Amino acid sequence: MPDGWVKNIPQDQALATAAAAHMPEGKVNIPFNPIVINTGSKLVLIDTGYGPNIGPTVGILPVHLAAAGIDSKSIDTVVLSHLHPDHINGVKTKDGVIAFPNAEHKVPAQDWAFWMSEDNAAKADSQMMKNYFANVRKVLGDIADKVTKYEWGKEVAPGIIALETPGHTPGHTSFAVASGNAKMLVQSDVTNIPEFFLRNPDWHVAYDIDPVKAAQTRHKFYDMAAAEKTLIAGFHFAFPSQGYVEKDGNGYRLVPIRWNPVL
């Protein structure tokens, strides 16, 4: 856990929180969970993970897709919730070619405008932000003419509505997935790992571009999810990355669903 990973609490408190969640001493474990939705007519992949060039425990989405019986060529739509590297780098293979060659690639219009702005890139005030701007151009710049920009409140695929959840990035998007009477919220990065930022929604993770707005979004989103008792899928939740949220004092708690190995 780097210093300042949680920006508005002492490092000792952040380390103690990790220890209380039984994470390795001095470290924080962050899961990465892209999600595939079969709409009945389309196979939709929401976010693509970190891609193949980071290390042995990340970038293995293609392996897991194959284990689930899904050919990467059968993905019809790739929807990116926002343009951070752990969500977009899997768009390409290790050789730099499109990982999902038959898919339409969709990005939030607000995030595209922000990250592709030369003025914004010139104003980047940290190495992390400079790296983010460069990475978006590296991954998506050469396929910009093939990328579709989507707007909040619209369908990105049958039964999947884009929800306005900014703060983490200017165009950060979550999704409401409906099938008959059933509903699920794909929360993307409304919170990073729930042991920290679901329990403590006013804590500021280093990756939030507008941490105050991100905290406001967390309260609004989780108040809605708790009131409606809606199932949530979280990109940084532990596998199988789904559960229900309940109000708990000034924060929330996650009630994870049990993993059923039998399909």
Protein backbone atom coordinates (compact mmCIF):
# COMPACT_ATOMS: atom_id res chain seq x y z
CA MET A 1 0.00 0.00 0.00
CA PRO A 2 1.69 3.21 -1.13
CA ASP A 3 1.65 6.27 1.10
CA GLY A 4 -1.46 8.33 0.40
CA TRP A 5 -3.41 5.49 -1.17
CA VAL A 6 -6.26 6.78 0.98
CA LYS A 7 -5.74 10.51 0.82
CA ASN A 8 -7.76 11.88 3.74
CA ILE A 9 -6.90 9.49 6.58
CA PRO A 10 -3.57 8.65 8.27
CA GLN A 11 -1.56 5.86 6.64
CA ASP A 12 -1.60 3.90 9.91
CA GLN A 13 -5.39 3.84 9.83
CA ALA A 14 -5.40 2.63 6.24
CA LEU A 15 -2.91 -0.13 7.08
CA ALA A 16 -4.99 -1.15 10.09
CA THR A 17 -8.07 -1.38 7.86
CA ALA A 18 -6.20 -3.68 5.47
CA ALA A 19 -5.00 -5.80 8.38
CA ALA A 20 -8.54 -6.07 9.74
CA ALA A 21 -9.56 -7.44 6.32
CA HIS A 22 -6.77 -10.05 6.61
CA MET A 23 -4.70 -8.65 3.77
CA PRO A 24 -0.93 -9.31 3.71
CA GLU A 25 0.97 -7.09 6.11
CA GLY A 26 1.57 -3.65 4.66
CA LYS A 27 -0.31 -4.45 1.47
CA VAL A 28 -3.73 -4.01 -0.05
CA ASN A 29 -5.32 -6.64 -2.31
CA ILE A 30 -7.35 -5.28 -5.22
CA PRO A 31 -9.38 -7.75 -7.31
CA PHE A 32 -10.23 -7.06 -10.97
CA ASN A 33 -13.46 -8.48 -12.36
CA PRO A 34 -14.71 -7.72 -15.88
CA ILE A 35 -18.20 -9.03 -16.46
CA VAL A 36 -19.89 -10.67 -19.45
CA ILE A 37 -23.64 -10.29 -19.94
CA ASN A 38 -25.62 -12.46 -22.33
CA THR A 39 -28.61 -10.35 -23.32
CA GLY A 40 -30.13 -13.17 -25.36
CA SER A 41 -29.10 -11.51 -28.60
CA LYS A 42 -25.68 -10.06 -27.69
CA LEU A 43 -22.64 -11.03 -25.67
CA VAL A 44 -21.59 -7.84 -23.89
CA LEU A 45 -18.28 -7.44 -22.07
CA ILE A 46 -18.16 -4.61 -19.54
CA ASP A 47 -14.52 -3.55 -19.06
CA THR A 48 -11.51 -5.56 -20.15
CA GLY A 49 -9.11 -5.59 -17.19
CA TYR A 50 -5.46 -4.63 -17.09
CA GLY A 51 -4.37 -6.51 -20.17
CA PRO A 52 -1.48 -8.93 -20.62
CA ASN A 53 1.62 -6.89 -19.76
CA ILE A 54 1.39 -6.40 -15.99
CA GLY A 55 2.10 -9.72 -14.27
CA PRO A 56 1.02 -13.34 -13.86
CA THR A 57 -2.09 -12.67 -11.76
CA VAL A 58 -3.68 -10.03 -14.00
CA GLY A 59 -4.48 -9.84 -17.69
CA ILE A 60 -5.93 -13.35 -17.70
CA LEU A 61 -9.41 -12.45 -18.92
CA PRO A 62 -8.94 -14.44 -22.19
CA VAL A 63 -8.06 -17.55 -20.15
CA HIS A 64 -11.13 -17.17 -17.98
CA LEU A 65 -13.38 -16.49 -20.96
CA ALA A 66 -12.14 -19.69 -22.57
CA ALA A 67 -12.76 -21.60 -19.34
CA ALA A 68 -16.33 -20.28 -19.40
CA GLY A 69 -16.73 -21.47 -22.99
CA ILE A 70 -16.67 -17.97 -24.48
CA ASP A 71 -14.59 -17.31 -27.59
CA SER A 72 -13.22 -13.76 -27.68
CA LYS A 73 -14.42 -13.56 -31.27
CA SER A 74 -18.00 -14.09 -30.08
CA ILE A 75 -18.09 -10.89 -27.98
CA ASP A 76 -20.46 -8.51 -29.78
CA THR A 77 -20.00 -5.38 -27.68
CA VAL A 78 -17.22 -4.13 -25.41
CA VAL A 79 -18.47 -1.38 -23.09
CA LEU A 80 -15.88 0.58 -21.13
CA SER A 81 -17.13 2.18 -17.92
CA HIS A 82 -14.26 4.71 -17.85
CA LEU A 83 -10.79 5.00 -19.30
CA HIS A 84 -8.45 3.98 -16.49
CA PRO A 85 -5.83 1.39 -17.52
CA ASP A 86 -7.23 -1.48 -15.43
CA HIS A 87 -10.46 -1.18 -17.41
CA ILE A 88 -9.22 -0.55 -20.95
CA ASN A 89 -5.82 -2.19 -21.44
CA GLY A 90 -7.38 -5.58 -22.16
CA VAL A 91 -8.84 -4.09 -25.33
CA LYS A 92 -5.59 -5.19 -26.99
CA THR A 93 -3.48 -8.34 -26.84
CA LYS A 94 0.19 -8.50 -25.92
CA ASP A 95 0.97 -7.96 -29.61
CA GLY A 96 -1.13 -4.81 -29.75
CA VAL A 97 -3.98 -6.17 -31.85
CA ILE A 98 -7.65 -5.94 -30.96
CA ALA A 99 -8.51 -8.67 -28.44
CA PHE A 100 -12.19 -8.76 -29.39
CA PRO A 101 -12.04 -8.36 -33.18
CA ASN A 102 -15.76 -8.64 -33.92
CA ALA A 103 -16.97 -6.34 -31.13
CA GLU A 104 -18.22 -2.79 -31.26
CA HIS A 105 -16.24 -0.79 -28.68
CA LYS A 106 -18.17 1.80 -26.68
CA VAL A 107 -16.82 4.49 -24.34
CA PRO A 108 -18.54 7.16 -22.23
CA ALA A 109 -18.62 10.41 -24.20
CA GLN A 110 -17.67 12.52 -21.17
CA ASP A 111 -14.60 10.43 -20.39
CA TRP A 112 -13.49 10.39 -24.02
CA ALA A 113 -13.70 14.19 -24.20
CA PHE A 114 -11.70 14.55 -20.97
CA TRP A 115 -8.89 12.07 -21.66
CA MET A 116 -8.48 12.94 -25.34
CA SER A 117 -8.18 16.69 -24.64
CA GLU A 118 -4.67 18.01 -25.29
CA ASP A 119 -5.40 20.92 -22.94
CA ASN A 120 -6.30 18.56 -20.12
CA ALA A 121 -3.23 16.43 -20.77
CA ALA A 122 -1.01 19.52 -20.59
CA LYS A 123 -2.50 20.41 -17.19
CA ALA A 124 -1.84 16.96 -15.66
CA ASP A 125 -0.33 17.72 -12.25
CA SER A 126 0.99 14.29 -11.23
CA GLN A 127 2.92 11.47 -12.85
CA MET A 128 -0.07 9.19 -12.36
CA MET A 129 -2.32 11.53 -14.33
CA LYS A 130 0.30 12.01 -17.05
CA ASN A 131 0.55 8.24 -17.36
CA TYR A 132 -3.23 7.95 -17.59
CA PHE A 133 -3.46 10.44 -20.46
CA ALA A 134 -0.62 8.70 -22.32
CA ASN A 135 -2.17 5.27 -21.78
CA VAL A 136 -5.57 6.24 -23.21
CA ARG A 137 -3.86 7.43 -26.38
CA LYS A 138 -1.70 4.30 -26.56
CA VAL A 139 -4.60 1.88 -26.18
CA LEU A 140 -7.40 3.70 -28.00
CA GLY A 141 -5.77 6.40 -30.11
CA ASP A 142 -5.18 4.28 -33.20
CA ILE A 143 -8.74 2.89 -33.16
CA ALA A 144 -10.46 6.20 -32.37
CA ASP A 145 -12.46 6.12 -35.61
CA LYS A 146 -13.88 2.73 -34.60
CA VAL A 147 -14.94 3.74 -31.08
CA THR A 148 -18.58 4.61 -30.37
CA LYS A 149 -19.28 7.26 -27.72
CA TYR A 150 -22.33 6.66 -25.54
CA GLU A 151 -24.34 9.01 -23.32
CA TRP A 152 -25.75 8.54 -19.83
CA GLY A 153 -29.38 7.47 -19.62
CA LYS A 154 -29.19 5.54 -22.89
CA GLU A 155 -29.02 1.85 -23.71
CA VAL A 156 -25.51 0.60 -24.49
CA ALA A 157 -26.90 -2.85 -25.30
CA PRO A 158 -30.34 -4.48 -25.03
CA GLY A 159 -31.52 -4.14 -21.43
CA ILE A 160 -28.36 -2.33 -20.27
CA ILE A 161 -28.69 1.38 -19.38
CA ALA A 162 -25.70 3.67 -18.74
CA LEU A 163 -25.93 5.43 -15.35
CA GLU A 164 -24.33 8.75 -14.44
CA THR A 165 -21.83 8.08 -11.62
CA PRO A 166 -19.01 10.66 -12.00
CA GLY A 167 -16.24 11.58 -9.59
CA HIS A 168 -13.86 8.68 -10.02
CA THR A 169 -13.43 10.11 -13.50
CA PRO A 170 -15.49 12.85 -15.18
CA GLY A 171 -17.36 10.31 -17.29
CA HIS A 172 -17.34 7.34 -14.96
CA THR A 173 -20.37 5.18 -15.72
CA SER A 174 -22.28 2.39 -14.00
CA PHE A 175 -24.99 0.26 -15.56
CA ALA A 176 -28.48 -0.98 -14.78
CA VAL A 177 -29.11 -4.42 -16.23
CA ALA A 178 -32.73 -5.54 -16.47
CA SER A 179 -34.16 -8.93 -17.42
CA GLY A 180 -37.86 -9.45 -16.84
CA ASN A 181 -38.49 -8.51 -13.21
CA ALA A 182 -34.83 -8.97 -12.24
CA LYS A 183 -32.31 -6.15 -12.02
CA MET A 184 -28.62 -5.80 -11.31
CA LEU A 185 -26.39 -2.75 -10.96
CA VAL A 186 -22.89 -2.96 -12.40
CA GLN A 187 -21.17 -0.35 -10.26
CA SER A 188 -17.77 -0.27 -12.00
CA ASP A 189 -15.56 1.87 -9.71
CA VAL A 190 -18.18 3.70 -7.66
CA THR A 191 -16.09 2.22 -4.88
CA ASN A 192 -12.70 0.64 -5.03
CA ILE A 193 -12.41 -2.37 -2.67
CA PRO A 194 -15.46 -2.43 -0.39
CA GLU A 195 -13.48 -3.15 2.80
CA PHE A 196 -12.28 0.44 2.55
CA PHE A 197 -14.60 2.65 0.54
CA LEU A 198 -17.96 0.97 0.93
CA ARG A 199 -17.54 0.84 4.70
CA ASN A 200 -16.15 4.38 4.62
CA PRO A 201 -17.71 6.16 1.63
CA ASP A 202 -16.14 9.52 2.48
CA TRP A 203 -12.59 8.19 2.29
CA HIS A 204 -10.74 9.41 -0.82
CA VAL A 205 -8.86 6.82 -2.85
CA ALA A 206 -5.88 8.19 -4.77
CA TYR A 207 -7.46 7.30 -8.13
CA ASP A 208 -10.54 9.51 -7.76
CA ILE A 209 -10.11 12.60 -9.92
CA ASP A 210 -12.81 14.52 -8.04
CA PRO A 211 -12.85 12.83 -4.62
CA VAL A 212 -15.64 15.01 -3.19
CA LYS A 213 -17.95 14.24 -6.10
CA ALA A 214 -16.94 10.57 -5.95
CA ALA A 215 -18.00 10.42 -2.29
CA GLN A 216 -21.31 12.10 -3.12
CA THR A 217 -21.85 9.56 -5.88
CA ARG A 218 -21.13 6.68 -3.51
CA HIS A 219 -23.76 7.87 -1.02
CA LYS A 220 -26.35 8.45 -3.74
CA PHE A 221 -25.68 5.15 -5.50
CA TYR A 222 -25.60 2.97 -2.38
CA ASP A 223 -28.59 4.67 -0.77
CA MET A 224 -30.53 3.71 -3.91
CA ALA A 225 -29.15 0.17 -4.04
CA ALA A 226 -29.81 -0.42 -0.33
CA ALA A 227 -33.35 0.97 -0.48
CA GLU A 228 -34.21 -1.13 -3.54
CA LYS A 229 -32.31 -4.22 -2.32
CA THR A 230 -30.70 -4.46 -5.76
CA LEU A 231 -27.94 -6.93 -6.57
CA ILE A 232 -24.62 -5.18 -7.33
CA ALA A 233 -21.62 -6.34 -9.34
CA GLY A 234 -18.39 -4.55 -8.40
CA PHE A 235 -15.24 -4.52 -10.51
CA HIS A 236 -13.08 -4.46 -7.36
CA PHE A 237 -15.25 -6.78 -5.26
CA ALA A 238 -13.84 -10.22 -4.41
CA PHE A 239 -14.94 -12.97 -6.81
CA PRO A 240 -17.70 -13.68 -7.71
CA SER A 241 -17.87 -9.90 -7.30
CA GLN A 242 -21.59 -9.62 -6.54
CA GLY A 243 -23.62 -8.85 -3.47
CA TYR A 244 -26.13 -6.64 -1.73
CA VAL A 245 -25.47 -3.39 0.11
CA GLU A 246 -26.97 -2.43 3.47
CA LYS A 247 -26.77 0.83 5.36
CA ASP A 248 -24.44 0.58 8.36
CA GLY A 249 -24.02 3.74 10.43
CA ASN A 250 -22.43 6.43 8.27
CA GLY A 251 -21.36 3.86 5.73
CA TYR A 252 -22.47 0.61 4.15
CA ARG A 253 -21.66 -3.05 4.30
CA LEU A 254 -21.52 -5.59 1.54
CA VAL A 255 -23.38 -8.87 1.86
CA PRO A 256 -21.66 -10.99 -0.80
CA ILE A 257 -23.55 -13.66 -2.63
CA ARG A 258 -22.34 -17.22 -2.14
CA TRP A 259 -20.33 -18.67 -4.99
CA ASN A 260 -22.07 -21.66 -6.50
CA PRO A 261 -19.63 -23.82 -8.49
CA VAL A 262 -22.47 -25.75 -10.12
CA LEU A 263 -24.05 -24.13 -13.18
